[in-house]
Amino acid sequence: MAEAKKKKQHKPVGGRAETLAERVKRKREIEQARLNRPLTGAVIRQLRKAVGLSLAEVAADLGVTKGALTGWESGRSPLPDDKYPQFEQYFGVTSQDDIDAVLEDLKQY
């Protein structure tokens, strides 16, 4: 007789298995948080080019690979949540107003 397959358990939440509904809700919350972040790959590319930095320079400064940075800038891969603070600090921006102000200031030069 064939053995019954064991159900795949999701990551534990608070010491118990996560239900599908909880998993979907958590994923939606993460996606919504990403949408609320003004710093996107395209904005990173704009800021990088506006200050005259190469991919290699930014990647080296932030300790990431050029390939990863290229993927984030092009939108092929999402910017990991743990990288947002690094990029925000690096470029000195935490809001859309900051980004707009930096880009406007750089246009004057």
Foldseek 3Di string as FASTA:
>chain_A
DDDDDDDDFDDDDPNHTDDPVRVVVVVVVVVVVLVQFPDFLCLLVLLCVLVPHDLVVVCVVLVHDSVVSVCRNVVVDPDDPVCVVVSCVVSVHGHPVRSVVSSVVSVVD
